[in-house]
Amino acid sequence: MLMRRAEREYRTWILDSRRWEKYRPRSDDIIIATYPKCGTTWTQRIVGLLVFKSPEPRPIMKISAWIDRRFGPSTDEVLAQIESQEHRRFLKSHLPLDGLPFYSNVNYIHVARDGRDACISYHNHVTALTESLLERLDRIGLEDETIGRPYPRPPADPAEYFHRWVREENTPIAPFFHFQTSWWEARDQPNVLLVHYNDLKADLSAEMKRIADFLRVAIRPEIWPELVAAAGFDAMRKAGDLLMANMAEIFDGGSQRFFYKGCNERWRGVFREDDLALYDSKVNETLPPECARWLAQGRLKQF
C-alpha cells in the first residue's frame, strides 16, 4: 500500500528520482538505500545470499537493479528487467527517503557510514571514472535544464575534495547530511531497518542475522557459515569480476578499483584539521545528537 509519494525531486548527473514513478511494488520487495560508498554493494550481496540461500556469486547489477541511475539503461528497460524477475526482488537506491515513494508492504534497508569514511572512499570512486563515462555524464548534465552544465571533475587532492564535500559544493549526489536525517527519522517504522558499516565489519554474522530476521528469511544452520564467508570483503573482491561485471566500462581498474580497501579511518592524516572541524560543526548543526553518535560509531542500544 502506498503510504506517501516522493516528497522531493532529485536530479543530478548521477540520479533522477523521477525514474521511480513507474515502479510497481510487490509485497515482499526490498529497497536498499544508501549514500554511495557506505556498504551498498556489500548489503546487496548479503541480501542476495539470503534470497538465493547460496554462496554462488551472481552479477549484482542484474539481480538488484538501480532504478534512479541516469547513466545506465533507460527507465523502461530497468523496469522490464525487474518485472521479469521471479526471485524476491531487492533494489538499490542512492536517494534520501523523501525522494522515494514509501510503501507499507515494501522493506527498506538503509546503510550508513561515518561521513569522513564515506567521503574518502567516494573520492577514490569518482577519481577512477573512465573518460567514456565522464563524457556521458557531461551530456546528461548539459541536456537537463535543471543542471545545464558538464559533470564537475573532482580535485585529485582528497583533502580539497573533502572541503568541497562538507560544504556541499558541486555535489553530484544527494546531500549527505540530509540523506542521513531522512532515514533516521523513519527508524521506528516497522518496515525500515538501519544498518551501519561499522557493525557489519565488527560482527558480520550478527548483522546478517539481523537483516535475515527483518526480511523474515530462514536459513538452514549448516549453510550459514558459507553465506557469511561469501559476504566477507576478501571473498567479494576475489569474485569481483563475477559480482560486478562490466566495471571496466565505468572505472579505470575495473572491479578491483571498485572493491578498493573496505576499511575505515583512511582519512586520518589526509584531511585538514580545519575541514575536520567544519565537518564536526556540520554534524552538530544538522543531525540529532543520537543520530550523530550512531553515524560516527554504529548501532545504539535501541537497535
Protein backbone atom coordinates (compact mmCIF):
# COMPACT_ATOMS: atom_id res chain seq x y z
CA MET A 1 0.00 0.00 0.00
CA LEU A 2 1.32 3.46 -0.92
CA MET A 3 1.68 5.49 2.28
CA ARG A 4 3.05 8.58 0.53
CA ARG A 5 4.53 9.60 -2.80
CA ALA A 6 8.02 11.01 -3.13
CA GLU A 7 8.08 14.42 -1.47
CA ARG A 8 11.12 15.86 -3.24
CA GLU A 9 12.65 15.56 -6.68
CA TYR A 10 16.36 14.81 -7.04
CA ARG A 11 18.05 15.33 -10.41
CA THR A 12 21.82 15.25 -10.69
CA TRP A 13 24.30 13.93 -13.23
CA ILE A 14 24.04 10.56 -11.46
CA LEU A 15 20.46 10.36 -10.16
CA ASP A 16 16.91 11.04 -11.24
CA SER A 17 14.23 10.31 -8.65
CA ARG A 18 11.51 10.58 -11.32
CA ARG A 19 12.55 7.14 -12.56
CA TRP A 20 10.68 5.63 -9.57
CA GLU A 21 7.32 6.98 -10.74
CA LYS A 22 6.55 3.86 -12.80
CA TYR A 23 7.78 1.42 -10.16
CA ARG A 24 5.09 -1.07 -9.13
CA PRO A 25 5.97 -2.87 -5.89
CA ARG A 26 5.50 -6.48 -4.97
CA SER A 27 4.50 -7.18 -1.41
CA ASP A 28 7.91 -8.55 -0.39
CA ASP A 29 10.18 -6.14 -2.30
CA ILE A 30 13.37 -4.91 -0.63
CA ILE A 31 14.88 -1.48 -1.29
CA ILE A 32 18.48 -0.94 -0.16
CA ALA A 33 19.00 2.82 0.11
CA THR A 34 22.42 4.22 0.92
CA TYR A 35 24.68 7.16 0.33
CA PRO A 36 27.45 5.96 -2.02
CA LYS A 37 30.34 4.01 -0.51
CA CYS A 38 28.50 3.21 2.71
CA GLY A 39 28.12 -0.52 2.11
CA THR A 40 25.64 -0.56 -0.76
CA THR A 41 27.12 -3.42 -2.77
CA TRP A 42 28.02 -5.23 0.43
CA THR A 43 24.39 -5.16 1.54
CA GLN A 44 23.17 -6.15 -1.92
CA ARG A 45 25.48 -9.15 -1.74
CA ILE A 46 24.23 -10.03 1.75
CA VAL A 47 20.59 -9.78 0.72
CA GLY A 48 21.31 -11.81 -2.42
CA LEU A 49 22.90 -14.54 -0.33
CA LEU A 50 19.80 -14.60 1.88
CA VAL A 51 17.35 -14.53 -1.00
CA PHE A 52 19.05 -17.27 -3.04
CA LYS A 53 20.33 -19.15 0.02
CA SER A 54 23.54 -19.95 -1.81
CA PRO A 55 27.14 -18.60 -1.72
CA GLU A 56 27.35 -18.66 -5.51
CA PRO A 57 28.50 -15.30 -6.96
CA ARG A 58 25.77 -13.66 -9.05
CA PRO A 59 26.05 -10.43 -11.05
CA ILE A 60 24.68 -7.87 -8.63
CA MET A 61 23.64 -5.29 -11.22
CA LYS A 62 21.47 -7.90 -12.96
CA ILE A 63 19.75 -9.29 -9.89
CA SER A 64 19.49 -5.99 -7.98
CA ALA A 65 18.60 -3.08 -10.23
CA TRP A 66 19.49 0.55 -9.51
CA ILE A 67 16.38 2.38 -10.66
CA ASP A 68 17.46 6.00 -10.06
CA ARG A 69 20.71 5.67 -12.04
CA ARG A 70 20.73 8.05 -15.02
CA PHE A 71 23.77 6.73 -16.89
CA GLY A 72 22.57 3.15 -17.29
CA PRO A 73 19.70 1.54 -19.18
CA SER A 74 16.51 3.51 -19.74
CA THR A 75 13.79 3.56 -17.10
CA ASP A 76 11.61 1.26 -19.20
CA GLU A 77 14.48 -1.21 -19.65
CA VAL A 78 15.19 -1.30 -15.92
CA LEU A 79 11.53 -1.75 -15.04
CA ALA A 80 11.22 -4.53 -17.62
CA GLN A 81 14.24 -6.19 -16.01
CA ILE A 82 12.74 -6.17 -12.52
CA GLU A 83 9.26 -7.15 -13.72
CA SER A 84 10.75 -10.26 -15.32
CA GLN A 85 12.43 -11.38 -12.10
CA GLU A 86 10.92 -14.40 -10.41
CA HIS A 87 13.07 -14.29 -7.28
CA ARG A 88 12.29 -11.98 -4.39
CA ARG A 89 13.26 -8.56 -5.68
CA PHE A 90 15.84 -6.38 -3.99
CA LEU A 91 16.53 -2.98 -5.49
CA LYS A 92 19.17 -0.32 -4.97
CA SER A 93 18.78 3.42 -4.48
CA HIS A 94 21.07 6.33 -3.67
CA LEU A 95 18.15 8.55 -2.68
CA PRO A 96 17.11 10.03 0.65
CA LEU A 97 13.80 8.74 1.90
CA ASP A 98 11.91 11.85 0.77
CA GLY A 99 12.96 11.12 -2.81
CA LEU A 100 11.35 7.67 -2.79
CA PRO A 101 7.73 6.51 -2.68
CA PHE A 102 7.05 4.87 0.66
CA TYR A 103 5.01 1.67 0.72
CA SER A 104 3.85 -0.20 3.81
CA ASN A 105 4.43 -3.58 2.14
CA VAL A 106 8.00 -2.87 0.98
CA ASN A 107 11.06 -3.46 3.16
CA TYR A 108 13.61 -0.63 3.30
CA ILE A 109 17.21 -1.13 4.45
CA HIS A 110 19.28 1.99 4.98
CA VAL A 111 23.02 1.51 5.45
CA ALA A 112 25.10 4.34 6.91
CA ARG A 113 28.77 5.08 7.47
CA ASP A 114 30.77 7.84 9.11
CA GLY A 115 30.81 10.70 6.62
CA ARG A 116 34.59 11.04 6.70
CA ASP A 117 34.98 7.40 5.69
CA ALA A 118 32.27 7.68 3.05
CA CYS A 119 33.86 10.78 1.56
CA ILE A 120 37.39 9.45 1.19
CA SER A 121 36.05 6.22 -0.29
CA TYR A 122 33.82 8.17 -2.67
CA HIS A 123 36.80 10.29 -3.73
CA ASN A 124 38.61 7.12 -4.78
CA HIS A 125 35.42 6.16 -6.63
CA VAL A 126 34.90 9.37 -8.59
CA THR A 127 38.56 9.89 -9.49
CA ALA A 128 38.57 6.49 -11.22
CA LEU A 129 35.68 7.12 -13.63
CA THR A 130 36.52 6.34 -17.25
CA GLU A 131 36.60 9.06 -19.89
CA SER A 132 33.68 7.47 -21.74
CA LEU A 133 31.51 7.61 -18.61
CA LEU A 134 32.57 11.19 -17.87
CA GLU A 135 31.52 12.18 -21.38
CA ARG A 136 28.15 10.54 -20.83
CA LEU A 137 27.69 12.36 -17.53
CA ASP A 138 28.58 15.61 -19.29
CA ARG A 139 25.79 15.04 -21.81
CA ILE A 140 23.30 14.25 -19.05
CA GLY A 141 24.10 17.50 -17.27
CA LEU A 142 24.02 19.63 -20.40
CA GLU A 143 20.73 18.15 -21.60
CA ASP A 144 18.96 18.60 -18.25
CA GLU A 145 17.62 22.14 -17.90
CA THR A 146 17.82 21.93 -14.11
CA ILE A 147 21.59 21.27 -14.30
CA GLY A 148 22.77 22.85 -17.55
CA ARG A 149 26.47 22.12 -17.22
CA PRO A 150 29.00 19.29 -17.55
CA TYR A 151 29.77 16.87 -14.75
CA PRO A 152 32.10 18.55 -12.21
CA ARG A 153 35.54 16.94 -12.17
CA PRO A 154 36.73 16.18 -8.63
CA PRO A 155 40.07 17.55 -7.43
CA ALA A 156 42.85 14.97 -7.24
CA ASP A 157 43.64 16.03 -3.66
CA PRO A 158 41.31 14.16 -1.27
CA ALA A 159 41.62 16.95 1.31
CA GLU A 160 40.37 19.54 -1.18
CA TYR A 161 37.58 17.18 -2.19
CA PHE A 162 36.56 16.76 1.46
CA HIS A 163 36.42 20.54 1.90
CA ARG A 164 34.03 20.87 -1.05
CA TRP A 165 32.06 17.82 0.04
CA VAL A 166 31.39 19.16 3.54
CA ARG A 167 30.32 22.49 2.06
CA GLU A 168 28.15 20.60 -0.45
CA GLU A 169 29.70 22.32 -3.45
CA ASN A 170 29.19 20.70 -6.87
CA THR A 171 27.87 17.53 -5.23
CA PRO A 172 26.83 15.03 -7.94
CA ILE A 173 24.75 13.09 -5.42
CA ALA A 174 22.09 13.92 -2.83
CA PRO A 175 23.39 15.88 0.21
CA PHE A 176 24.94 13.54 2.77
CA PHE A 177 23.62 15.13 5.97
CA HIS A 178 20.04 15.41 4.76
CA PHE A 179 20.33 11.83 3.48
CA GLN A 180 21.06 10.56 6.97
CA THR A 181 18.37 12.54 8.78
CA SER A 182 15.70 11.48 6.28
CA TRP A 183 16.28 7.81 7.12
CA TRP A 184 16.97 8.36 10.81
CA GLU A 185 13.55 9.94 11.22
CA ALA A 186 11.96 6.75 9.84
CA ARG A 187 13.91 4.38 12.11
CA ASP A 188 10.83 3.36 14.10
CA GLN A 189 8.81 2.34 11.05
CA PRO A 190 8.30 -1.46 11.16
CA ASN A 191 9.41 -1.85 7.53
CA VAL A 192 12.64 0.17 7.90
CA LEU A 193 15.92 -1.30 9.12
CA LEU A 194 19.00 0.82 9.84
CA VAL A 195 22.36 -0.92 9.39
CA HIS A 196 25.80 0.55 9.98
CA TYR A 197 29.03 -0.19 8.11
CA ASN A 198 30.96 -0.43 11.40
CA ASP A 199 28.63 -3.12 12.70
CA LEU A 200 28.96 -5.13 9.50
CA LYS A 201 32.73 -5.04 9.97
CA ALA A 202 32.59 -5.78 13.70
CA ASP A 203 30.27 -8.79 13.56
CA LEU A 204 29.20 -9.70 10.05
CA SER A 205 27.34 -12.84 11.11
CA ALA A 206 25.26 -11.00 13.71
CA GLU A 207 24.35 -8.19 11.31
CA MET A 208 23.43 -10.66 8.59
CA LYS A 209 21.18 -12.35 11.14
CA ARG A 210 19.51 -9.02 11.90
CA ILE A 211 18.89 -8.50 8.20
CA ALA A 212 17.59 -12.05 7.76
CA ASP A 213 15.21 -11.64 10.70
CA PHE A 214 13.99 -8.29 9.37
CA LEU A 215 13.30 -9.85 5.96
CA ARG A 216 11.80 -12.96 7.54
CA VAL A 217 14.25 -15.23 5.76
CA ALA A 218 15.08 -18.56 7.35
CA ILE A 219 18.46 -20.10 6.55
CA ARG A 220 19.50 -23.67 7.34
CA PRO A 221 22.18 -23.57 10.05
CA GLU A 222 24.52 -25.83 8.09
CA ILE A 223 24.89 -23.35 5.21
CA TRP A 224 25.09 -20.19 7.34
CA PRO A 225 28.93 -20.20 7.69
CA GLU A 226 29.27 -20.42 3.90
CA LEU A 227 26.99 -17.44 3.39
CA VAL A 228 28.85 -15.34 5.96
CA ALA A 229 32.19 -16.24 4.39
CA ALA A 230 30.89 -15.31 0.94
CA ALA A 231 29.86 -11.88 2.26
CA GLY A 232 33.36 -11.05 3.51
CA PHE A 233 35.28 -8.27 1.76
CA ASP A 234 38.15 -10.51 0.62
CA ALA A 235 35.72 -13.05 -0.84
CA MET A 236 33.79 -10.32 -2.64
CA ARG A 237 36.95 -8.76 -4.03
CA LYS A 238 38.16 -12.16 -5.24
CA ALA A 239 34.84 -12.70 -7.02
CA GLY A 240 34.71 -9.07 -8.15
CA ASP A 241 34.53 -9.71 -11.88
CA LEU A 242 31.55 -12.02 -11.37
CA LEU A 243 29.75 -9.86 -8.84
CA MET A 244 30.33 -6.55 -10.62
CA ALA A 245 30.64 -7.37 -14.30
CA ASN A 246 31.48 -4.63 -16.83
CA MET A 247 33.10 -2.42 -14.20
CA ALA A 248 35.92 -1.70 -16.68
CA GLU A 249 33.42 0.43 -18.59
CA ILE A 250 32.88 2.59 -15.51
CA PHE A 251 36.17 2.52 -13.56
CA ASP A 252 39.80 2.54 -14.54
CA GLY A 253 40.96 -0.62 -12.83
CA GLY A 254 37.58 -2.35 -13.11
CA SER A 255 36.19 -4.34 -10.20
CA GLN A 256 39.47 -4.25 -8.27
CA ARG A 257 39.27 -0.45 -8.11
CA PHE A 258 35.60 -0.71 -7.13
CA PHE A 259 36.39 -3.13 -4.28
CA TYR A 260 39.25 -0.95 -3.10
CA LYS A 261 40.09 -1.13 0.61
CA GLY A 262 36.91 -1.74 2.61
CA CYS A 263 38.44 -0.20 5.72
CA ASN A 264 37.76 2.83 7.89
CA GLU A 265 39.69 5.89 9.03
CA ARG A 266 41.83 6.25 5.90
CA TRP A 267 41.07 9.96 6.24
CA ARG A 268 43.30 10.36 9.29
CA GLY A 269 46.38 12.35 8.37
CA VAL A 270 44.84 13.21 4.99
CA PHE A 271 42.01 15.65 5.71
CA ARG A 272 42.94 19.07 7.09
CA GLU A 273 42.19 19.93 10.72
CA ASP A 274 40.07 22.96 9.86
CA ASP A 275 37.97 20.86 7.48
CA LEU A 276 37.52 18.18 10.12
CA ALA A 277 36.32 20.91 12.47
CA LEU A 278 33.96 22.12 9.75
CA TYR A 279 32.62 18.57 9.43
CA ASP A 280 32.03 18.34 13.19
CA SER A 281 30.23 21.66 13.11
CA LYS A 282 28.03 20.49 10.22
CA VAL A 283 27.17 17.29 12.06
CA ASN A 284 26.20 19.23 15.18
CA GLU A 285 24.09 21.69 13.18
CA THR A 286 22.22 19.19 11.01
CA LEU A 287 21.95 15.85 12.83
CA PRO A 288 20.08 14.97 16.02
CA PRO A 289 22.61 14.01 18.74
CA GLU A 290 21.61 10.32 18.79
CA CYS A 291 21.83 10.17 15.00
CA ALA A 292 25.27 11.82 15.08
CA ARG A 293 26.53 9.28 17.62
CA TRP A 294 25.12 6.37 15.64
CA LEU A 295 26.59 7.68 12.39
CA ALA A 296 30.03 8.00 13.98
CA GLN A 297 30.20 4.69 15.82
CA GLY A 298 27.44 2.29 14.82
CA ARG A 299 24.45 0.69 16.44
CA LEU A 300 22.92 2.19 19.58
CA LYS A 301 21.24 0.12 22.30
CA GLN A 302 17.78 0.56 20.81
CA PHE A 303 18.98 -1.02 17.58
